[in-house]
Amino acid sequence: MNKNNSAYIYILTNYTNTTLYIGVTSNLAKRIYEHKNKLVDGFSKRYNLTKLVYFEQIDSIVSAIEREKYLKGKKREFKIKLINSFNKDWVDLSETLF
């Protein structure tokens, strides 16, 4: 799922869709596995954020980090619209991707 130096930004939520987490990685499958198995200490583990509802593949890690910062700076409503445009039912995308 990763070509050369590309990276991913992704949004996780919990199963009640109440908390959002935005992250960046060069290996989406591995990172989601880590979140789902609570191998990552911090915010996502504390709030049980294991449901992948959005992701973008980006050409470089530098651009992915810029995109992550941009999205983190947006209001919740913006993020919800972004998720809805990509995954209107907020299904766990990792169940069909990996």
C-alpha atoms as a PDB file:
ATOM      1  CA  MET A   1       0.000   0.000   0.000  1.00  0.00           C
ATOM      2  CA  ASN A   2       3.024   2.293   0.118  1.00  0.00           C
ATOM      3  CA  LYS A   3       4.914   3.420  -2.961  1.00  0.00           C
ATOM      4  CA  ASN A   4       8.475   4.694  -2.513  1.00  0.00           C
ATOM      5  CA  ASN A   5       8.571   7.663  -0.136  1.00  0.00           C
ATOM      6  CA  SER A   6       4.851   8.284   0.118  1.00  0.00           C
ATOM      7  CA  ALA A   7       3.132   8.752   3.444  1.00  0.00           C
ATOM      8  CA  TYR A   8      -0.369   8.816   4.857  1.00  0.00           C
ATOM      9  CA  ILE A   9      -2.399  11.070   7.058  1.00  0.00           C
ATOM     10  CA  TYR A  10      -5.253   9.341   8.795  1.00  0.00           C
ATOM     11  CA  ILE A  11      -8.123  10.008  11.151  1.00  0.00           C
ATOM     12  CA  LEU A  12      -9.142   7.607  13.898  1.00  0.00           C
ATOM     13  CA  THR A  13     -12.186   7.709  16.122  1.00  0.00           C
ATOM     14  CA  ASN A  14     -13.781   5.507  18.747  1.00  0.00           C
ATOM     15  CA  TYR A  15     -16.831   3.355  18.138  1.00  0.00           C
ATOM     16  CA  THR A  16     -19.207   6.126  19.253  1.00  0.00           C
ATOM     17  CA  ASN A  17     -17.498   8.602  16.873  1.00  0.00           C
ATOM     18  CA  THR A  18     -17.045  11.162  19.648  1.00  0.00           C
ATOM     19  CA  THR A  19     -13.277  11.775  19.606  1.00  0.00           C
ATOM     20  CA  LEU A  20     -11.018  12.340  16.600  1.00  0.00           C
ATOM     21  CA  TYR A  21      -7.287  11.732  16.245  1.00  0.00           C
ATOM     22  CA  ILE A  22      -5.190  12.787  13.259  1.00  0.00           C
ATOM     23  CA  GLY A  23      -1.884  11.070  12.619  1.00  0.00           C
ATOM     24  CA  VAL A  24       0.788  10.639   9.966  1.00  0.00           C
ATOM     25  CA  THR A  25       2.760   7.530   9.016  1.00  0.00           C
ATOM     26  CA  SER A  26       4.793   5.983   6.237  1.00  0.00           C
ATOM     27  CA  ASN A  27       3.183   2.568   6.830  1.00  0.00           C
ATOM     28  CA  LEU A  28      -0.583   2.808   7.299  1.00  0.00           C
ATOM     29  CA  ALA A  29      -1.272  -0.895   7.851  1.00  0.00           C
ATOM     30  CA  LYS A  30       1.409  -1.193  10.540  1.00  0.00           C
ATOM     31  CA  ARG A  31       0.339   2.005  12.300  1.00  0.00           C
ATOM     32  CA  ILE A  32      -3.351   1.042  12.407  1.00  0.00           C
ATOM     33  CA  TYR A  33      -2.363  -2.390  13.753  1.00  0.00           C
ATOM     34  CA  GLU A  34      -0.431  -0.632  16.526  1.00  0.00           C
ATOM     35  CA  HIS A  35      -3.433   1.549  17.397  1.00  0.00           C
ATOM     36  CA  LYS A  36      -5.890  -1.360  17.361  1.00  0.00           C
ATOM     37  CA  ASN A  37      -3.658  -3.454  19.595  1.00  0.00           C
ATOM     38  CA  LYS A  38      -2.973  -0.568  21.992  1.00  0.00           C
ATOM     39  CA  LEU A  39       0.764  -0.654  21.285  1.00  0.00           C
ATOM     40  CA  VAL A  40       0.873   3.159  21.062  1.00  0.00           C
ATOM     41  CA  ASP A  41       0.821   4.981  24.388  1.00  0.00           C
ATOM     42  CA  GLY A  42      -0.874   8.354  24.455  1.00  0.00           C
ATOM     43  CA  PHE A  43      -4.051  10.005  23.258  1.00  0.00           C
ATOM     44  CA  SER A  44      -5.331   7.263  20.940  1.00  0.00           C
ATOM     45  CA  LYS A  45      -4.822   4.550  23.550  1.00  0.00           C
ATOM     46  CA  ARG A  46      -6.354   6.636  26.351  1.00  0.00           C
ATOM     47  CA  TYR A  47      -9.515   7.350  24.339  1.00  0.00           C
ATOM     48  CA  ASN A  48      -9.756   3.926  22.627  1.00  0.00           C
ATOM     49  CA  LEU A  49      -9.354   5.376  19.131  1.00  0.00           C
ATOM     50  CA  THR A  50      -9.078   2.312  16.918  1.00  0.00           C
ATOM     51  CA  LYS A  51     -11.532   2.976  14.085  1.00  0.00           C
ATOM     52  CA  LEU A  52      -9.965   4.247  10.837  1.00  0.00           C
ATOM     53  CA  VAL A  53     -12.500   6.573   9.206  1.00  0.00           C
ATOM     54  CA  TYR A  54     -10.312   8.608   6.839  1.00  0.00           C
ATOM     55  CA  PHE A  55      -6.906   8.539   5.165  1.00  0.00           C
ATOM     56  CA  GLU A  56      -5.002  10.215   2.356  1.00  0.00           C
ATOM     57  CA  GLN A  57      -1.887   8.993   0.586  1.00  0.00           C
ATOM     58  CA  ILE A  58       0.568  11.852   0.045  1.00  0.00           C
ATOM     59  CA  ASP A  59       3.727  11.940  -2.087  1.00  0.00           C
ATOM     60  CA  SER A  60       6.197  12.749   0.681  1.00  0.00           C
ATOM     61  CA  ILE A  61       6.469  12.587   4.453  1.00  0.00           C
ATOM     62  CA  VAL A  62       7.160  16.341   4.561  1.00  0.00           C
ATOM     63  CA  SER A  63       3.927  17.071   2.677  1.00  0.00           C
ATOM     64  CA  ALA A  64       2.046  14.601   4.883  1.00  0.00           C
ATOM     65  CA  ILE A  65       3.249  16.357   8.029  1.00  0.00           C
ATOM     66  CA  GLU A  66       2.176  19.713   6.561  1.00  0.00           C
ATOM     67  CA  ARG A  67      -1.263  18.272   5.747  1.00  0.00           C
ATOM     68  CA  GLU A  68      -1.542  16.793   9.252  1.00  0.00           C
ATOM     69  CA  LYS A  69      -0.781  20.180  10.828  1.00  0.00           C
ATOM     70  CA  TYR A  70      -3.293  21.864   8.520  1.00  0.00           C
ATOM     71  CA  LEU A  71      -6.053  19.422   9.467  1.00  0.00           C
ATOM     72  CA  LYS A  72      -5.242  19.605  13.176  1.00  0.00           C
ATOM     73  CA  GLY A  73      -5.687  23.381  12.929  1.00  0.00           C
ATOM     74  CA  LYS A  74      -9.205  23.074  11.505  1.00  0.00           C
ATOM     75  CA  LYS A  75     -12.392  23.039  13.536  1.00  0.00           C
ATOM     76  CA  ARG A  76     -14.170  19.769  14.283  1.00  0.00           C
ATOM     77  CA  GLU A  77     -16.952  20.629  11.793  1.00  0.00           C
ATOM     78  CA  PHE A  78     -14.391  20.806   8.970  1.00  0.00           C
ATOM     79  CA  LYS A  79     -12.995  17.396   9.927  1.00  0.00           C
ATOM     80  CA  ILE A  80     -16.470  15.869  10.091  1.00  0.00           C
ATOM     81  CA  LYS A  81     -17.269  17.190   6.597  1.00  0.00           C
ATOM     82  CA  LEU A  82     -13.986  15.761   5.323  1.00  0.00           C
ATOM     83  CA  ILE A  83     -14.752  12.339   6.796  1.00  0.00           C
ATOM     84  CA  ASN A  84     -18.326  12.426   5.481  1.00  0.00           C
ATOM     85  CA  SER A  85     -17.090  13.232   1.953  1.00  0.00           C
ATOM     86  CA  PHE A  86     -14.875  10.131   2.046  1.00  0.00           C
ATOM     87  CA  ASN A  87     -16.752   7.732   4.329  1.00  0.00           C
ATOM     88  CA  LYS A  88     -20.327   8.891   4.949  1.00  0.00           C
ATOM     89  CA  ASP A  89     -21.205   5.903   7.148  1.00  0.00           C
ATOM     90  CA  TRP A  90     -18.023   6.200   9.237  1.00  0.00           C
ATOM     91  CA  VAL A  91     -17.237   2.508   8.791  1.00  0.00           C
ATOM     92  CA  ASP A  92     -13.882   1.181   9.943  1.00  0.00           C
ATOM     93  CA  LEU A  93     -11.904   1.319   6.689  1.00  0.00           C
ATOM     94  CA  SER A  94      -9.167  -0.906   8.061  1.00  0.00           C
ATOM     95  CA  GLU A  95     -11.526  -3.880   7.928  1.00  0.00           C
ATOM     96  CA  THR A  96     -11.559  -3.755   4.133  1.00  0.00           C
ATOM     97  CA  LEU A  97      -8.075  -2.317   3.466  1.00  0.00           C
ATOM     98  CA  PHE A  98      -5.882  -4.769   5.343  1.00  0.00           C
END
